[in-house]
Protein backbone atom coordinates (compact mmCIF):
# COMPACT_ATOMS: atom_id res chain seq x y z
CA MET A 1 83.51 108.20 117.28
CA LYS A 2 83.24 109.18 113.63
CA LEU A 3 86.62 109.43 111.90
CA ALA A 4 87.12 111.86 109.04
CA VAL A 5 89.04 110.54 106.03
CA SER A 6 90.48 112.70 103.30
CA HIS A 7 89.94 110.61 100.17
CA GLN A 8 87.83 107.98 98.43
CA TRP A 9 89.02 104.38 98.54
CA ASP A 10 87.61 103.02 95.27
CA LEU A 11 89.99 104.93 93.00
CA PRO A 12 91.39 103.84 89.65
CA VAL A 13 94.78 102.20 90.06
CA ASP A 14 96.74 105.09 88.54
CA GLU A 15 95.00 107.59 90.82
CA ALA A 16 95.64 105.37 93.84
CA LYS A 17 99.36 105.29 93.06
CA ALA A 18 99.41 109.06 92.59
CA LEU A 19 97.67 109.49 95.94
CA GLN A 20 100.27 107.31 97.62
CA ALA A 21 103.00 109.57 96.26
CA GLN A 22 101.20 112.62 97.65
CA LEU A 23 100.66 111.06 101.06
CA ALA A 24 104.29 109.91 101.26
CA GLU A 25 105.36 113.55 101.34
CA ARG A 26 103.38 113.99 104.58
CA VAL A 27 105.05 111.22 106.59
CA ILE A 28 106.63 112.55 109.79
CA PRO A 29 109.61 110.21 110.45
CA VAL A 30 110.42 111.58 113.91
CA THR A 31 108.91 110.81 117.31
CA THR A 32 106.40 113.55 118.15
CA PHE A 33 105.27 112.10 121.49
CA ASP A 34 106.91 111.29 124.80
CA PRO A 35 107.62 107.53 124.76
CA ALA A 36 107.62 107.54 128.58
CA GLY A 37 104.04 108.78 128.51
CA VAL A 38 102.59 105.90 126.47
CA ARG A 39 99.92 104.12 128.49
CA THR A 40 98.02 102.29 125.75
CA VAL A 41 99.00 100.57 122.50
CA ALA A 42 96.73 99.07 119.86
CA GLY A 43 97.18 96.24 117.40
CA VAL A 44 95.42 96.44 114.03
CA ASP A 45 94.93 93.47 111.72
CA VAL A 46 92.88 93.02 108.56
CA GLY A 47 91.85 89.73 106.98
CA PHE A 48 89.51 88.76 104.16
CA LYS A 49 86.49 86.50 103.87
CA GLY A 50 85.50 86.36 100.22
CA ASP A 51 84.49 89.87 99.18
CA MET A 52 84.50 91.16 102.75
CA ALA A 53 87.40 92.70 104.63
CA GLN A 54 87.38 92.04 108.37
CA ALA A 55 89.41 94.33 110.59
CA ALA A 56 90.14 93.93 114.28
CA VAL A 57 91.62 96.43 116.70
CA VAL A 58 92.66 95.52 120.23
CA VAL A 59 93.81 98.16 122.71
CA LEU A 60 96.22 97.01 125.44
CA ASP A 61 97.46 98.87 128.45
CA PHE A 62 101.18 99.52 128.47
CA PRO A 63 103.54 98.20 129.64
CA ASP A 64 101.43 95.41 131.20
CA LEU A 65 99.90 94.46 127.81
CA GLN A 66 96.50 93.53 129.20
CA PRO A 67 93.51 94.05 126.85
CA LEU A 68 91.32 97.07 127.56
CA ASP A 69 89.13 97.40 124.50
CA CYS A 70 88.49 95.76 121.14
CA ALA A 71 86.44 96.26 118.03
CA VAL A 72 85.71 94.33 114.84
CA ALA A 73 84.25 95.53 111.56
CA GLU A 74 83.41 93.90 108.23
CA VAL A 75 83.28 96.05 105.11
CA PRO A 76 82.75 95.04 101.45
CA VAL A 77 85.96 95.19 99.42
CA THR A 78 85.75 97.88 96.72
CA PHE A 79 89.32 97.81 95.38
CA PRO A 80 90.95 95.05 93.31
CA TYR A 81 93.94 93.06 94.53
CA VAL A 82 96.97 95.00 93.31
CA PRO A 83 100.37 94.44 94.98
CA GLY A 84 101.50 97.64 96.65
CA LEU A 85 97.95 98.98 96.92
CA LEU A 86 96.61 96.73 99.67
CA ALA A 87 95.84 99.71 101.90
CA PHE A 88 92.97 100.58 99.56
CA ARG A 89 91.45 97.16 100.26
CA GLU A 90 92.18 97.17 103.98
CA GLY A 91 91.79 100.81 104.97
CA PRO A 92 87.99 101.15 105.03
CA SER A 93 87.50 98.15 107.33
CA ALA A 94 90.29 99.28 109.67
CA LEU A 95 88.74 102.74 109.97
CA ALA A 96 85.31 101.21 110.58
CA ALA A 97 86.74 99.17 113.47
CA LEU A 98 88.57 102.16 114.91
CA GLU A 99 85.34 104.15 114.98
CA GLN A 100 83.92 101.61 117.44
CA LEU A 101 86.64 101.97 120.06
CA ASP A 102 85.83 103.38 123.47
CA THR A 103 89.54 103.74 124.31
CA TRP A 104 91.71 105.64 121.86
CA PRO A 105 95.31 104.36 122.08
CA ASP A 106 98.48 106.40 122.39
CA LEU A 107 100.18 104.36 119.66
CA PHE A 108 99.19 101.95 116.88
CA ILE A 109 101.17 98.88 115.79
CA PHE A 110 99.81 97.62 112.48
CA ASP A 111 100.26 94.08 111.23
CA ALA A 112 101.39 95.67 107.98
CA GLN A 113 104.15 97.60 106.31
CA GLY A 114 104.90 101.26 106.90
CA LEU A 115 107.74 102.92 104.97
CA ALA A 116 109.00 99.47 103.96
CA HIS A 117 106.93 99.70 100.80
CA PRO A 118 107.87 100.43 97.16
CA ARG A 119 106.15 103.84 97.39
CA ARG A 120 106.71 104.21 101.16
CA MET A 121 102.99 103.88 101.77
CA GLY A 122 101.99 100.69 103.55
CA LEU A 123 98.85 100.54 105.67
CA ALA A 124 100.70 101.84 108.76
CA THR A 125 101.84 105.00 106.98
CA HIS A 126 98.60 105.45 105.06
CA LEU A 127 96.33 105.32 108.10
CA GLY A 128 98.89 106.99 110.36
CA ILE A 129 98.75 110.02 108.09
CA LEU A 130 94.97 110.02 107.73
CA LEU A 131 94.56 109.77 111.50
CA ASP A 132 97.59 112.01 112.13
CA TRP A 133 98.54 109.63 114.94
CA PRO A 134 101.70 107.71 115.92
CA ALA A 135 101.82 104.44 114.01
CA ILE A 136 104.31 101.60 113.49
CA GLY A 137 104.42 98.95 110.80
CA CYS A 138 105.31 95.45 112.03
CA ALA A 139 105.08 92.88 109.25
CA LYS A 140 105.87 89.19 109.16
CA SER A 141 107.58 89.23 105.76
CA ARG A 142 109.52 91.51 103.43
CA LEU A 143 107.71 93.44 100.73
CA THR A 144 110.68 95.28 99.26
CA GLY A 145 114.30 96.15 100.00
CA SER A 146 117.40 94.16 100.91
CA HIS A 147 119.12 93.32 104.18
CA GLU A 148 121.65 91.15 105.92
CA GLU A 149 120.65 88.55 108.48
CA PRO A 150 120.35 89.92 112.04
CA GLY A 151 122.01 88.26 114.99
CA ASP A 152 120.15 85.45 116.74
CA GLN A 153 119.64 87.18 120.09
CA VAL A 154 116.42 88.92 121.05
CA GLY A 155 116.74 92.58 120.12
CA ASP A 156 119.32 92.08 117.39
CA TRP A 157 118.45 93.99 114.24
CA VAL A 158 119.85 95.19 110.93
CA PRO A 159 118.65 97.93 108.56
CA LEU A 160 116.37 97.23 105.64
CA TYR A 161 117.60 99.14 102.61
CA ASP A 162 116.08 100.22 99.33
CA GLN A 163 119.15 101.30 97.36
CA ASP A 164 120.81 103.87 99.66
CA GLN A 165 117.75 104.58 101.83
CA THR A 166 116.95 102.90 105.14
CA ILE A 167 113.26 102.01 105.01
CA GLY A 168 112.97 99.75 108.05
CA ALA A 169 114.64 97.19 110.27
CA ILE A 170 114.81 93.41 110.47
CA VAL A 171 114.30 92.67 114.16
CA ARG A 172 114.87 89.43 116.04
CA SER A 173 112.00 89.24 118.52
CA ARG A 174 112.74 85.67 119.63
CA ALA A 175 115.89 83.58 119.33
CA GLY A 176 115.78 80.85 116.71
CA VAL A 177 112.74 82.11 114.79
CA LYS A 178 112.20 84.33 111.77
CA PRO A 179 112.62 88.05 112.40
CA LEU A 180 110.01 90.79 112.10
CA TYR A 181 109.98 93.63 109.57
CA VAL A 182 109.56 96.88 111.47
CA SER A 183 109.19 100.28 109.84
CA ILE A 184 108.05 103.81 110.51
CA GLY A 185 104.38 104.45 110.05
CA HIS A 186 103.95 108.07 111.09
CA ARG A 187 105.14 110.39 113.88
CA VAL A 188 107.72 107.91 115.18
CA ASP A 189 111.38 107.30 114.38
CA LEU A 190 112.81 103.88 113.61
CA PRO A 191 114.68 103.25 116.91
CA THR A 192 111.51 104.12 118.85
CA ALA A 193 109.44 101.85 116.60
CA ILE A 194 111.83 98.97 117.25
CA GLU A 195 111.77 99.63 120.98
CA PHE A 196 107.98 99.51 121.21
CA VAL A 197 107.68 96.37 119.10
CA LEU A 198 110.19 94.62 121.37
CA ARG A 199 108.52 95.90 124.54
CA CYS A 200 105.20 94.55 123.26
CA THR A 201 106.74 91.13 122.60
CA THR A 202 106.76 88.49 125.33
CA ARG A 203 107.63 84.83 124.74
CA TYR A 204 106.33 84.66 121.17
CA ARG A 205 107.66 85.91 117.85
CA LEU A 206 104.79 88.35 117.32
CA PRO A 207 104.06 91.30 119.59
CA GLU A 208 101.04 90.95 121.82
CA THR A 209 99.30 93.70 119.87
CA THR A 210 99.39 91.53 116.75
CA ARG A 211 98.59 88.27 118.56
CA TYR A 212 95.42 89.65 120.11
CA ALA A 213 94.34 91.36 116.88
CA HIS A 214 94.95 88.15 114.90
CA LYS A 215 92.72 86.21 117.25
CA VAL A 216 89.86 88.65 116.90
CA ALA A 217 90.30 89.10 113.14
CA GLY A 218 90.42 85.33 112.71
CA GLY A 219 86.77 85.07 113.71
CA ALA A 220 86.77 84.62 117.47
CA GLU A 221 83.27 85.48 118.66
CA LEU A 222 84.05 87.98 121.36
CA PRO A 223 81.69 90.74 122.52
CA LEU A 224 82.98 94.24 121.95
CA GLY A 225 84.00 96.44 124.82
CA ARG A 226 86.51 96.39 127.61
CA GLN A 227 87.31 92.85 128.59
CA GLN A 228 90.01 90.30 129.21
CA LEU A 229 90.55 88.38 125.97
CA PRO A 230 91.90 84.81 125.99
CA LEU A 231 95.35 84.15 124.55
CA PHE A 232 96.01 81.44 121.96
């Protein structure tokens, strides 16, 4: 499936920042789908090998979280490393992997920021808007904002603030371990984003969407297509 994108990726830094500001105005921060109707979720992860970006997408059925489909793509990096503009390095490879899917998911969970970004334009919001599809950002660390410490029980969470604006949530996915940084990507509200991240999390800190995508993006030699992928 060929995906249409609305802009070039190898832009000058100033133009890239201006584009982020334009795209941020298009974020839909409400849930536009029926959460009860979600049958598939996908994890998206991007890593780097020298001058190549390697993206992996794994589609899981929901709520059983068994793998249905996966795809991997490697694309040359055409944008310099600039904090806050990582989507311009990661986006092309993620789209190339998505084009290979046989099963299009109902919802994406990116191993990346969404609105929890200085210009509200992490990879989850950027690609969510380009695809015009429900997307959630679920990152392992904070990029911006301030917060208190959430409670230690699974499901405890506190808001992530940037001045007087709530830009995400700090979510305890497993007792006794570091929390996750969950934020809106596109076409989903924050409580629904938190709910899906928690429902995709089993006995580990990271949701299964991220765990499977990490394994594939980390170089596991797995044939593409519908299959049962091994866990860590």
